[in-house]
């Protein structure tokens, strides 16, 4: 496997996804929100951390899972282990951007609703 810029990028996305998946599941179970998702300063202004966690952390886990899928697909493609057609790569990229926008919108909505 040759390590080029895109392979490094895909590996970072995969690792970020694993972190977000783990954080999302753990945060949901414990009723906490990770400071990487919402800053510590904002969390101090939150009146309902458990509500924020119940709303946001499942979405964090879903985004993390999708990051893992996107990163692994990219690594497989970049290493030429599986040569995906160009349209498949485009579909994955568009799906990633859409999921990222939806996750960002969920964070924004959660901040408006739970942080005062």
PDB file of N, CA and C in Angstrom:
ATOM      1  N   UNK A   1       0.856  -1.188   0.000  1.00  0.00           N
ATOM      2  CA  UNK A   1       0.000   0.000   0.000  1.00  0.00           C
ATOM      3  C   UNK A   1       0.887   1.230   0.000  1.00  0.00           C
ATOM      4  N   UNK A   2       0.737   2.067  -0.970  1.00  0.00           N
ATOM      5  CA  UNK A   2       1.508   3.293  -1.011  1.00  0.00           C
ATOM      6  C   UNK A   2       0.784   4.356  -0.197  1.00  0.00           C
ATOM      7  N   UNK A   3       1.557   5.081   0.596  1.00  0.00           N
ATOM      8  CA  UNK A   3       0.977   6.139   1.419  1.00  0.00           C
ATOM      9  C   UNK A   3       1.151   7.469   0.690  1.00  0.00           C
ATOM     10  N   UNK A   4       0.093   7.963   0.113  1.00  0.00           N
ATOM     11  CA  UNK A   4       0.126   9.284  -0.478  1.00  0.00           C
ATOM     12  C   UNK A   4      -0.745  10.204   0.376  1.00  0.00           C
ATOM     13  N   UNK A   5      -0.883  11.418  -0.049  1.00  0.00           N
ATOM     14  CA  UNK A   5      -1.652  12.400   0.714  1.00  0.00           C
ATOM     15  C   UNK A   5      -3.072  11.929   0.972  1.00  0.00           C
ATOM     16  N   UNK A   6      -3.703  11.364  -0.030  1.00  0.00           N
ATOM     17  CA  UNK A   6      -5.098  10.939   0.126  1.00  0.00           C
ATOM     18  C   UNK A   6      -5.222   9.757   1.076  1.00  0.00           C
ATOM     19  N   UNK A   7      -4.246   8.868   1.073  1.00  0.00           N
ATOM     20  CA  UNK A   7      -4.270   7.743   2.008  1.00  0.00           C
ATOM     21  C   UNK A   7      -4.153   8.245   3.442  1.00  0.00           C
ATOM     22  N   UNK A   8      -3.296   9.223   3.658  1.00  0.00           N
ATOM     23  CA  UNK A   8      -3.148   9.801   5.000  1.00  0.00           C
ATOM     24  C   UNK A   8      -4.449  10.484   5.409  1.00  0.00           C
ATOM     25  N   UNK A   9      -5.047  11.222   4.499  1.00  0.00           N
ATOM     26  CA  UNK A   9      -6.328  11.880   4.759  1.00  0.00           C
ATOM     27  C   UNK A   9      -7.397  10.850   5.108  1.00  0.00           C
ATOM     28  N   UNK A  10      -7.468   9.764   4.333  1.00  0.00           N
ATOM     29  CA  UNK A  10      -8.459   8.717   4.587  1.00  0.00           C
ATOM     30  C   UNK A  10      -8.219   8.031   5.928  1.00  0.00           C
ATOM     31  N   UNK A  11      -6.963   7.823   6.284  1.00  0.00           N
ATOM     32  CA  UNK A  11      -6.645   7.216   7.580  1.00  0.00           C
ATOM     33  C   UNK A  11      -7.075   8.134   8.725  1.00  0.00           C
ATOM     34  N   UNK A  12      -6.842   9.427   8.568  1.00  0.00           N
ATOM     35  CA  UNK A  12      -7.258  10.389   9.599  1.00  0.00           C
ATOM     36  C   UNK A  12      -8.780  10.411   9.728  1.00  0.00           C
ATOM     37  N   UNK A  13      -9.490  10.404   8.609  1.00  0.00           N
ATOM     38  CA  UNK A  13     -10.962  10.374   8.631  1.00  0.00           C
ATOM     39  C   UNK A  13     -11.450   9.105   9.331  1.00  0.00           C
ATOM     40  N   UNK A  14     -10.813   7.971   9.048  1.00  0.00           N
ATOM     41  CA  UNK A  14     -11.194   6.708   9.679  1.00  0.00           C
ATOM     42  C   UNK A  14     -10.978   6.765  11.185  1.00  0.00           C
ATOM     43  N   UNK A  15      -9.820   7.278  11.614  1.00  0.00           N
ATOM     44  CA  UNK A  15      -9.535   7.388  13.047  1.00  0.00           C
ATOM     45  C   UNK A  15     -10.483   8.376  13.732  1.00  0.00           C
ATOM     46  N   UNK A  16     -10.759   9.492  13.075  1.00  0.00           N
ATOM     47  CA  UNK A  16     -11.720  10.454  13.612  1.00  0.00           C
ATOM     48  C   UNK A  16     -13.085   9.795  13.755  1.00  0.00           C
ATOM     49  N   UNK A  17     -13.478   9.028  12.755  1.00  0.00           N
ATOM     50  CA  UNK A  17     -14.753   8.321  12.806  1.00  0.00           C
ATOM     51  C   UNK A  17     -14.822   7.353  13.972  1.00  0.00           C
ATOM     52  N   UNK A  18     -13.742   6.617  14.204  1.00  0.00           N
ATOM     53  CA  UNK A  18     -13.713   5.673  15.330  1.00  0.00           C
ATOM     54  C   UNK A  18     -13.860   6.428  16.645  1.00  0.00           C
ATOM     55  N   UNK A  19     -13.165   7.563  16.756  1.00  0.00           N
ATOM     56  CA  UNK A  19     -13.265   8.374  17.968  1.00  0.00           C
ATOM     57  C   UNK A  19     -14.695   8.891  18.157  1.00  0.00           C
ATOM     58  N   UNK A  20     -15.299   9.411  17.101  1.00  0.00           N
ATOM     59  CA  UNK A  20     -16.654   9.957  17.199  1.00  0.00           C
ATOM     60  C   UNK A  20     -17.682   8.861  17.496  1.00  0.00           C
ATOM     61  N   UNK A  21     -17.512   7.694  16.902  1.00  0.00           N
ATOM     62  CA  UNK A  21     -18.412   6.574  17.182  1.00  0.00           C
ATOM     63  C   UNK A  21     -18.323   6.181  18.648  1.00  0.00           C
ATOM     64  N   UNK A  22     -17.099   5.999  19.143  1.00  0.00           N
ATOM     65  CA  UNK A  22     -16.894   5.631  20.541  1.00  0.00           C
ATOM     66  C   UNK A  22     -17.431   6.713  21.471  1.00  0.00           C
ATOM     67  N   UNK A  23     -17.111   7.968  21.181  1.00  0.00           N
ATOM     68  CA  UNK A  23     -17.562   9.090  22.003  1.00  0.00           C
ATOM     69  C   UNK A  23     -19.080   9.211  21.990  1.00  0.00           C
ATOM     70  N   UNK A  24     -19.685   9.028  20.829  1.00  0.00           N
ATOM     71  CA  UNK A  24     -21.138   9.121  20.718  1.00  0.00           C
ATOM     72  C   UNK A  24     -21.842   8.064  21.544  1.00  0.00           C
ATOM     73  N   UNK A  25     -21.365   6.839  21.464  1.00  0.00           N
ATOM     74  CA  UNK A  25     -21.983   5.750  22.235  1.00  0.00           C
ATOM     75  C   UNK A  25     -21.755   5.952  23.727  1.00  0.00           C
ATOM     76  N   UNK A  26     -20.517   6.252  24.101  1.00  0.00           N
ATOM     77  CA  UNK A  26     -20.187   6.448  25.517  1.00  0.00           C
ATOM     78  C   UNK A  26     -20.949   7.641  26.096  1.00  0.00           C
ATOM     79  N   UNK A  27     -20.963   8.756  25.356  1.00  0.00           N
ATOM     80  CA  UNK A  27     -21.657   9.949  25.824  1.00  0.00           C
ATOM     81  C   UNK A  27     -23.151   9.730  25.984  1.00  0.00           C
ATOM     82  N   UNK A  28     -23.745   9.002  25.053  1.00  0.00           N
ATOM     83  CA  UNK A  28     -25.176   8.713  25.128  1.00  0.00           C
ATOM     84  C   UNK A  28     -25.484   7.853  26.350  1.00  0.00           C
ATOM     85  N   UNK A  29     -24.675   6.835  26.573  1.00  0.00           N
ATOM     86  CA  UNK A  29     -24.906   5.929  27.713  1.00  0.00           C
ATOM     87  C   UNK A  29     -24.723   6.635  29.051  1.00  0.00           C
ATOM     88  N   UNK A  30     -23.752   7.554  29.132  1.00  0.00           N
ATOM     89  CA  UNK A  30     -23.453   8.232  30.397  1.00  0.00           C
ATOM     90  C   UNK A  30     -24.178   9.567  30.552  1.00  0.00           C
ATOM     91  N   UNK A  31     -24.864  10.025  29.499  1.00  0.00           N
ATOM     92  CA  UNK A  31     -25.539  11.316  29.565  1.00  0.00           C
ATOM     93  C   UNK A  31     -24.573  12.484  29.546  1.00  0.00           C
ATOM     94  N   UNK A  32     -23.465  12.317  28.822  1.00  0.00           N
ATOM     95  CA  UNK A  32     -22.439  13.352  28.738  1.00  0.00           C
ATOM     96  C   UNK A  32     -22.267  13.798  27.284  1.00  0.00           C
ATOM     97  N   UNK A  33     -21.616  14.941  27.124  1.00  0.00           N
ATOM     98  CA  UNK A  33     -21.285  15.444  25.790  1.00  0.00           C
ATOM     99  C   UNK A  33     -19.791  15.710  25.773  1.00  0.00           C
ATOM    100  N   UNK A  34     -19.115  15.187  24.776  1.00  0.00           N
ATOM    101  CA  UNK A  34     -17.671  15.352  24.667  1.00  0.00           C
ATOM    102  C   UNK A  34     -17.317  16.796  24.310  1.00  0.00           C
ATOM    103  N   UNK A  35     -16.293  17.367  24.957  1.00  0.00           N
ATOM    104  CA  UNK A  35     -15.902  18.745  24.640  1.00  0.00           C
ATOM    105  C   UNK A  35     -15.365  18.933  23.225  1.00  0.00           C
ATOM    106  N   UNK A  36     -15.097  17.848  22.510  1.00  0.00           N
ATOM    107  CA  UNK A  36     -14.687  17.989  21.114  1.00  0.00           C
ATOM    108  C   UNK A  36     -15.896  18.315  20.237  1.00  0.00           C
ATOM    109  N   UNK A  37     -17.081  17.919  20.682  1.00  0.00           N
ATOM    110  CA  UNK A  37     -18.301  18.162  19.919  1.00  0.00           C
ATOM    111  C   UNK A  37     -18.894  19.524  20.275  1.00  0.00           C
ATOM    112  N   UNK A  38     -18.974  19.810  21.561  1.00  0.00           N
ATOM    113  CA  UNK A  38     -19.451  21.098  22.076  1.00  0.00           C
ATOM    114  C   UNK A  38     -18.417  21.550  23.110  1.00  0.00           C
ATOM    115  N   UNK A  39     -17.962  22.776  22.995  1.00  0.00           N
ATOM    116  CA  UNK A  39     -16.872  23.238  23.858  1.00  0.00           C
ATOM    117  C   UNK A  39     -17.252  23.224  25.338  1.00  0.00           C
ATOM    118  N   UNK A  40     -16.240  23.141  26.179  1.00  0.00           N
ATOM    119  CA  UNK A  40     -16.442  23.130  27.624  1.00  0.00           C
ATOM    120  C   UNK A  40     -17.143  24.408  28.078  1.00  0.00           C
ATOM    121  N   UNK A  41     -16.784  25.534  27.499  1.00  0.00           N
ATOM    122  CA  UNK A  41     -17.405  26.811  27.853  1.00  0.00           C
ATOM    123  C   UNK A  41     -18.895  26.776  27.546  1.00  0.00           C
ATOM    124  N   UNK A  42     -19.257  26.213  26.405  1.00  0.00           N
ATOM    125  CA  UNK A  42     -20.671  26.114  26.049  1.00  0.00           C
ATOM    126  C   UNK A  42     -21.397  25.128  26.964  1.00  0.00           C
ATOM    127  N   UNK A  43     -20.722  24.050  27.335  1.00  0.00           N
ATOM    128  CA  UNK A  43     -21.338  23.060  28.220  1.00  0.00           C
ATOM    129  C   UNK A  43     -21.651  23.642  29.596  1.00  0.00           C
ATOM    130  N   UNK A  44     -20.848  24.610  30.053  1.00  0.00           N
ATOM    131  CA  UNK A  44     -21.123  25.232  31.352  1.00  0.00           C
ATOM    132  C   UNK A  44     -22.403  26.067  31.304  1.00  0.00           C
ATOM    133  N   UNK A  45     -22.808  26.486  30.109  1.00  0.00           N
ATOM    134  CA  UNK A  45     -24.050  27.264  29.950  1.00  0.00           C
ATOM    135  C   UNK A  45     -25.252  26.394  29.614  1.00  0.00           C
ATOM    136  N   UNK A  46     -25.054  25.082  29.593  1.00  0.00           N
ATOM    137  CA  UNK A  46     -26.137  24.161  29.245  1.00  0.00           C
ATOM    138  C   UNK A  46     -26.913  23.785  30.495  1.00  0.00           C
ATOM    139  N   UNK A  47     -28.218  23.973  30.447  1.00  0.00           N
ATOM    140  CA  UNK A  47     -29.066  23.648  31.590  1.00  0.00           C
ATOM    141  C   UNK A  47     -29.490  22.183  31.631  1.00  0.00           C
ATOM    142  N   UNK A  48     -29.376  21.487  30.515  1.00  0.00           N
ATOM    143  CA  UNK A  48     -29.829  20.093  30.441  1.00  0.00           C
ATOM    144  C   UNK A  48     -28.818  19.258  29.652  1.00  0.00           C
ATOM    145  N   UNK A  49     -27.729  18.902  30.327  1.00  0.00           N
ATOM    146  CA  UNK A  49     -26.666  18.130  29.676  1.00  0.00           C
ATOM    147  C   UNK A  49     -27.202  16.772  29.203  1.00  0.00           C
ATOM    148  N   UNK A  50     -28.032  16.135  30.013  1.00  0.00           N
ATOM    149  CA  UNK A  50     -28.566  14.817  29.638  1.00  0.00           C
ATOM    150  C   UNK A  50     -29.450  14.924  28.391  1.00  0.00           C
ATOM    151  N   UNK A  51     -30.252  15.976  28.308  1.00  0.00           N
ATOM    152  CA  UNK A  51     -31.076  16.198  27.132  1.00  0.00           C
ATOM    153  C   UNK A  51     -30.227  16.465  25.899  1.00  0.00           C
ATOM    154  N   UNK A  52     -29.192  17.288  26.078  1.00  0.00           N
ATOM    155  CA  UNK A  52     -28.265  17.575  24.985  1.00  0.00           C
ATOM    156  C   UNK A  52     -27.583  16.291  24.526  1.00  0.00           C
ATOM    157  N   UNK A  53     -27.172  15.481  25.484  1.00  0.00           N
ATOM    158  CA  UNK A  53     -26.523  14.209  25.162  1.00  0.00           C
ATOM    159  C   UNK A  53     -27.475  13.279  24.416  1.00  0.00           C
ATOM    160  N   UNK A  54     -28.697  13.169  24.894  1.00  0.00           N
ATOM    161  CA  UNK A  54     -29.679  12.282  24.260  1.00  0.00           C
ATOM    162  C   UNK A  54     -29.979  12.728  22.825  1.00  0.00           C
ATOM    163  N   UNK A  55     -29.931  14.036  22.570  1.00  0.00           N
ATOM    164  CA  UNK A  55     -30.204  14.546  21.233  1.00  0.00           C
ATOM    165  C   UNK A  55     -28.984  14.418  20.314  1.00  0.00           C
ATOM    166  N   UNK A  56     -27.819  14.797  20.826  1.00  0.00           N
ATOM    167  CA  UNK A  56     -26.655  14.979  19.967  1.00  0.00           C
ATOM    168  C   UNK A  56     -25.753  13.755  19.842  1.00  0.00           C
ATOM    169  N   UNK A  57     -25.565  13.002  20.905  1.00  0.00           N
ATOM    170  CA  UNK A  57     -24.564  11.940  20.869  1.00  0.00           C
ATOM    171  C   UNK A  57     -24.923  10.773  19.940  1.00  0.00           C
ATOM    172  N   UNK A  58     -26.203  10.408  19.778  1.00  0.00           N
ATOM    173  CA  UNK A  58     -26.495   9.390  18.755  1.00  0.00           C
ATOM    174  C   UNK A  58     -26.128   9.870  17.345  1.00  0.00           C
ATOM    175  N   UNK A  59     -26.345  11.147  17.091  1.00  0.00           N
ATOM    176  CA  UNK A  59     -25.985  11.712  15.786  1.00  0.00           C
ATOM    177  C   UNK A  59     -24.472  11.718  15.608  1.00  0.00           C
ATOM    178  N   UNK A  60     -23.765  11.951  16.700  1.00  0.00           N
ATOM    179  CA  UNK A  60     -22.302  11.901  16.683  1.00  0.00           C
ATOM    180  C   UNK A  60     -21.832  10.488  16.325  1.00  0.00           C
ATOM    181  N   UNK A  61     -22.461   9.481  16.915  1.00  0.00           N
ATOM    182  CA  UNK A  61     -22.093   8.093  16.636  1.00  0.00           C
ATOM    183  C   UNK A  61     -22.384   7.732  15.176  1.00  0.00           C
ATOM    184  N   UNK A  62     -23.506   8.191  14.659  1.00  0.00           N
ATOM    185  CA  UNK A  62     -23.854   7.918  13.262  1.00  0.00           C
ATOM    186  C   UNK A  62     -22.848   8.589  12.327  1.00  0.00           C
ATOM    187  N   UNK A  63     -22.502   9.834  12.614  1.00  0.00           N
ATOM    188  CA  UNK A  63     -21.508  10.534  11.799  1.00  0.00           C
ATOM    189  C   UNK A  63     -20.166   9.818  11.880  1.00  0.00           C
ATOM    190  N   UNK A  64     -19.793   9.364  13.073  1.00  0.00           N
ATOM    191  CA  UNK A  64     -18.546   8.627  13.237  1.00  0.00           C
ATOM    192  C   UNK A  64     -18.531   7.346  12.429  1.00  0.00           C
ATOM    193  N   UNK A  65     -19.632   6.617  12.454  1.00  0.00           N
ATOM    194  CA  UNK A  65     -19.720   5.369  11.678  1.00  0.00           C
ATOM    195  C   UNK A  65     -19.579   5.662  10.187  1.00  0.00           C
ATOM    196  N   UNK A  66     -20.208   6.744   9.734  1.00  0.00           N
ATOM    197  CA  UNK A  66     -20.100   7.076   8.318  1.00  0.00           C
ATOM    198  C   UNK A  66     -18.675   7.505   7.972  1.00  0.00           C
ATOM    199  N   UNK A  67     -17.997   8.208   8.886  1.00  0.00           N
ATOM    200  CA  UNK A  67     -16.595   8.581   8.648  1.00  0.00           C
ATOM    201  C   UNK A  67     -15.722   7.337   8.489  1.00  0.00           C
ATOM    202  N   UNK A  68     -15.993   6.317   9.306  1.00  0.00           N
ATOM    203  CA  UNK A  68     -15.234   5.066   9.193  1.00  0.00           C
ATOM    204  C   UNK A  68     -15.461   4.444   7.818  1.00  0.00           C
ATOM    205  N   UNK A  69     -16.707   4.360   7.403  1.00  0.00           N
ATOM    206  CA  UNK A  69     -17.032   3.776   6.090  1.00  0.00           C
ATOM    207  C   UNK A  69     -16.364   4.575   4.969  1.00  0.00           C
ATOM    208  N   UNK A  70     -16.459   5.901   5.042  1.00  0.00           N
ATOM    209  CA  UNK A  70     -15.871   6.766   4.014  1.00  0.00           C
ATOM    210  C   UNK A  70     -14.354   6.611   3.989  1.00  0.00           C
ATOM    211  N   UNK A  71     -13.735   6.589   5.165  1.00  0.00           N
ATOM    212  CA  UNK A  71     -12.279   6.468   5.240  1.00  0.00           C
ATOM    213  C   UNK A  71     -11.778   5.129   4.735  1.00  0.00           C
ATOM    214  N   UNK A  72     -12.456   4.060   5.116  1.00  0.00           N
ATOM    215  CA  UNK A  72     -12.050   2.721   4.664  1.00  0.00           C
ATOM    216  C   UNK A  72     -12.229   2.596   3.151  1.00  0.00           C
ATOM    217  N   UNK A  73     -13.334   3.101   2.635  1.00  0.00           N
ATOM    218  CA  UNK A  73     -13.546   3.061   1.178  1.00  0.00           C
ATOM    219  C   UNK A  73     -12.426   3.817   0.472  1.00  0.00           C
ATOM    220  N   UNK A  74     -12.061   4.964   1.004  1.00  0.00           N
ATOM    221  CA  UNK A  74     -10.979   5.741   0.408  1.00  0.00           C
ATOM    222  C   UNK A  74      -9.643   5.018   0.469  1.00  0.00           C
ATOM    223  N   UNK A  75      -9.360   4.393   1.621  1.00  0.00           N
ATOM    224  CA  UNK A  75      -8.102   3.646   1.749  1.00  0.00           C
ATOM    225  C   UNK A  75      -8.051   2.471   0.771  1.00  0.00           C
ATOM    226  N   UNK A  76      -9.157   1.747   0.664  1.00  0.00           N
ATOM    227  CA  UNK A  76      -9.200   0.622  -0.274  1.00  0.00           C
ATOM    228  C   UNK A  76      -9.007   1.100  -1.706  1.00  0.00           C
ATOM    229  N   UNK A  77      -9.611   2.224  -2.032  1.00  0.00           N
ATOM    230  CA  UNK A  77      -9.491   2.767  -3.384  1.00  0.00           C
ATOM    231  C   UNK A  77      -8.087   3.306  -3.644  1.00  0.00           C
ATOM    232  N   UNK A  78      -7.542   4.073  -2.690  1.00  0.00           N
ATOM    233  CA  UNK A  78      -6.220   4.669  -2.884  1.00  0.00           C
ATOM    234  C   UNK A  78      -5.118   3.618  -2.963  1.00  0.00           C
ATOM    235  N   UNK A  79      -5.281   2.530  -2.214  1.00  0.00           N
ATOM    236  CA  UNK A  79      -4.278   1.465  -2.238  1.00  0.00           C
ATOM    237  C   UNK A  79      -4.441   0.566  -3.458  1.00  0.00           C
ATOM    238  N   UNK A  80      -5.536   0.760  -4.205  1.00  0.00           N
ATOM    239  CA  UNK A  80      -5.876  -0.028  -5.379  1.00  0.00           C
ATOM    240  C   UNK A  80      -6.170  -1.489  -5.017  1.00  0.00           C
ATOM    241  N   UNK A  81      -6.452  -1.721  -3.714  1.00  0.00           N
ATOM    242  CA  UNK A  81      -6.884  -3.041  -3.275  1.00  0.00           C
ATOM    243  C   UNK A  81      -8.224  -3.358  -3.920  1.00  0.00           C
ATOM    244  N   UNK A  82      -9.091  -2.363  -3.956  1.00  0.00           N
ATOM    245  CA  UNK A  82     -10.345  -2.428  -4.706  1.00  0.00           C
ATOM    246  C   UNK A  82     -10.406  -1.142  -5.523  1.00  0.00           C
ATOM    247  N   UNK A  83     -10.479  -1.269  -6.817  1.00  0.00           N
ATOM    248  CA  UNK A  83     -10.550  -0.090  -7.680  1.00  0.00           C
ATOM    249  C   UNK A  83     -12.019   0.251  -7.921  1.00  0.00           C
ATOM    250  N   UNK A  84     -12.530   1.173  -7.112  1.00  0.00           N
ATOM    251  CA  UNK A  84     -13.912   1.596  -7.275  1.00  0.00           C
ATOM    252  C   UNK A  84     -14.025   2.474  -8.514  1.00  0.00           C
ATOM    253  N   UNK A  85     -15.130   2.356  -9.261  1.00  0.00           N
ATOM    254  CA  UNK A  85     -15.335   3.272 -10.394  1.00  0.00           C
ATOM    255  C   UNK A  85     -15.433   4.717  -9.891  1.00  0.00           C
ATOM    256  N   UNK A  86     -15.094   5.630 -10.750  1.00  0.00           N
ATOM    257  CA  UNK A  86     -15.088   7.046 -10.382  1.00  0.00           C
ATOM    258  C   UNK A  86     -16.442   7.508  -9.851  1.00  0.00           C
ATOM    259  N   UNK A  87     -17.546   7.035 -10.435  1.00  0.00           N
ATOM    260  CA  UNK A  87     -18.862   7.470  -9.975  1.00  0.00           C
ATOM    261  C   UNK A  87     -19.133   7.005  -8.539  1.00  0.00           C
ATOM    262  N   UNK A  88     -18.589   5.858  -8.142  1.00  0.00           N
ATOM    263  CA  UNK A  88     -18.751   5.386  -6.762  1.00  0.00           C
ATOM    264  C   UNK A  88     -18.012   6.326  -5.810  1.00  0.00           C
ATOM    265  N   UNK A  89     -16.805   6.723  -6.190  1.00  0.00           N
ATOM    266  CA  UNK A  89     -16.045   7.673  -5.368  1.00  0.00           C
ATOM    267  C   UNK A  89     -16.783   9.003  -5.236  1.00  0.00           C
ATOM    268  N   UNK A  90     -17.378   9.457  -6.321  1.00  0.00           N
ATOM    269  CA  UNK A  90     -18.130  10.718  -6.302  1.00  0.00           C
ATOM    270  C   UNK A  90     -19.348  10.576  -5.388  1.00  0.00           C
ATOM    271  N   UNK A  91     -20.038   9.449  -5.474  1.00  0.00           N
ATOM    272  CA  UNK A  91     -21.207   9.220  -4.621  1.00  0.00           C
ATOM    273  C   UNK A  91     -20.797   9.217  -3.147  1.00  0.00           C
ATOM    274  N   UNK A  92     -19.694   8.532  -2.814  1.00  0.00           N
ATOM    275  CA  UNK A  92     -19.214   8.519  -1.438  1.00  0.00           C
ATOM    276  C   UNK A  92     -18.859   9.931  -0.968  1.00  0.00           C
ATOM    277  N   UNK A  93     -18.204  10.701  -1.819  1.00  0.00           N
ATOM    278  CA  UNK A  93     -17.821  12.062  -1.450  1.00  0.00           C
ATOM    279  C   UNK A  93     -19.049  12.943  -1.230  1.00  0.00           C
ATOM    280  N   UNK A  94     -20.007  12.860  -2.112  1.00  0.00           N
ATOM    281  CA  UNK A  94     -21.233  13.650  -1.962  1.00  0.00           C
ATOM    282  C   UNK A  94     -21.982  13.224  -0.699  1.00  0.00           C
ATOM    283  N   UNK A  95     -22.082  11.917  -0.482  1.00  0.00           N
ATOM    284  CA  UNK A  95     -22.752  11.420   0.730  1.00  0.00           C
ATOM    285  C   UNK A  95     -22.041  11.904   1.986  1.00  0.00           C
ATOM    286  N   UNK A  96     -20.705  11.889   1.972  1.00  0.00           N
ATOM    287  CA  UNK A  96     -19.947  12.373   3.127  1.00  0.00           C
ATOM    288  C   UNK A  96     -20.248  13.841   3.400  1.00  0.00           C
ATOM    289  N   UNK A  97     -20.240  14.646   2.362  1.00  0.00           N
ATOM    290  CA  UNK A  97     -20.517  16.079   2.532  1.00  0.00           C
ATOM    291  C   UNK A  97     -21.942  16.290   3.061  1.00  0.00           C
ATOM    292  N   UNK A  98     -22.905  15.558   2.537  1.00  0.00           N
ATOM    293  CA  UNK A  98     -24.295  15.678   2.992  1.00  0.00           C
ATOM    294  C   UNK A  98     -24.410  15.287   4.466  1.00  0.00           C
ATOM    295  N   UNK A  99     -23.809  14.157   4.846  1.00  0.00           N
ATOM    296  CA  UNK A  99     -23.874  13.704   6.236  1.00  0.00           C
ATOM    297  C   UNK A  99     -23.169  14.704   7.151  1.00  0.00           C
ATOM    298  N   UNK A 100     -22.046  15.254   6.698  1.00  0.00           N
ATOM    299  CA  UNK A 100     -21.326  16.254   7.491  1.00  0.00           C
ATOM    300  C   UNK A 100     -22.183  17.516   7.680  1.00  0.00           C
ATOM    301  N   UNK A 101     -22.856  17.950   6.631  1.00  0.00           N
ATOM    302  CA  UNK A 101     -23.731  19.130   6.734  1.00  0.00           C
ATOM    303  C   UNK A 101     -24.880  18.847   7.700  1.00  0.00           C
ATOM    304  N   UNK A 102     -25.479  17.667   7.607  1.00  0.00           N
ATOM    305  CA  UNK A 102     -26.568  17.309   8.526  1.00  0.00           C
ATOM    306  C   UNK A 102     -26.080  17.255   9.974  1.00  0.00           C
ATOM    307  N   UNK A 103     -24.899  16.717  10.199  1.00  0.00           N
ATOM    308  CA  UNK A 103     -24.339  16.670  11.552  1.00  0.00           C
ATOM    309  C   UNK A 103     -24.045  18.082  12.059  1.00  0.00           C
ATOM    310  N   UNK A 104     -23.499  18.918  11.212  1.00  0.00           N
ATOM    311  CA  UNK A 104     -23.231  20.308  11.595  1.00  0.00           C
ATOM    312  C   UNK A 104     -24.531  21.036  11.923  1.00  0.00           C
ATOM    313  N   UNK A 105     -25.575  20.789  11.144  1.00  0.00           N
ATOM    314  CA  UNK A 105     -26.882  21.404  11.412  1.00  0.00           C
ATOM    315  C   UNK A 105     -27.442  20.901  12.746  1.00  0.00           C
ATOM    316  N   UNK A 106     -27.239  19.623  13.052  1.00  0.00           N
ATOM    317  CA  UNK A 106     -27.707  19.070  14.328  1.00  0.00           C
ATOM    318  C   UNK A 106     -26.978  19.722  15.497  1.00  0.00           C
ATOM    319  N   UNK A 107     -25.686  19.950  15.354  1.00  0.00           N
ATOM    320  CA  UNK A 107     -24.930  20.642  16.403  1.00  0.00           C
ATOM    321  C   UNK A 107     -25.471  22.056  16.585  1.00  0.00           C
ATOM    322  N   UNK A 108     -25.692  22.741  15.485  1.00  0.00           N
ATOM    323  CA  UNK A 108     -26.211  24.115  15.550  1.00  0.00           C
ATOM    324  C   UNK A 108     -27.582  24.151  16.226  1.00  0.00           C
ATOM    325  N   UNK A 109     -28.458  23.229  15.849  1.00  0.00           N
ATOM    326  CA  UNK A 109     -29.793  23.164  16.445  1.00  0.00           C
ATOM    327  C   UNK A 109     -29.703  22.839  17.939  1.00  0.00           C
ATOM    328  N   UNK A 110     -28.832  21.919  18.293  1.00  0.00           N
ATOM    329  CA  UNK A 110     -28.666  21.546  19.700  1.00  0.00           C
ATOM    330  C   UNK A 110     -28.169  22.729  20.522  1.00  0.00           C
ATOM    331  N   UNK A 111     -27.246  23.487  19.983  1.00  0.00           N
ATOM    332  CA  UNK A 111     -26.730  24.659  20.698  1.00  0.00           C
ATOM    333  C   UNK A 111     -27.842  25.692  20.902  1.00  0.00           C
ATOM    334  N   UNK A 112     -28.671  25.915  19.895  1.00  0.00           N
ATOM    335  CA  UNK A 112     -29.773  26.867  20.032  1.00  0.00           C
ATOM    336  C   UNK A 112     -30.783  26.407  21.070  1.00  0.00           C
ATOM    337  N   UNK A 113     -31.010  25.091  21.110  1.00  0.00           N
ATOM    338  CA  UNK A 113     -32.037  24.550  21.980  1.00  0.00           C
ATOM    339  C   UNK A 113     -31.575  24.375  23.434  1.00  0.00           C
ATOM    340  N   UNK A 114     -30.319  23.968  23.644  1.00  0.00           N
ATOM    341  CA  UNK A 114     -29.869  23.589  24.979  1.00  0.00           C
ATOM    342  C   UNK A 114     -28.874  24.537  25.644  1.00  0.00           C
ATOM    343  N   UNK A 115     -28.231  25.382  24.873  1.00  0.00           N
ATOM    344  CA  UNK A 115     -27.195  26.257  25.433  1.00  0.00           C
ATOM    345  C   UNK A 115     -27.685  27.700  25.422  1.00  0.00           C
ATOM    346  N   UNK A 116     -27.686  28.299  26.606  1.00  0.00           N
ATOM    347  CA  UNK A 116     -28.206  29.673  26.741  1.00  0.00           C
ATOM    348  C   UNK A 116     -27.124  30.608  27.203  1.00  0.00           C
TER     349      UNK A 116
END
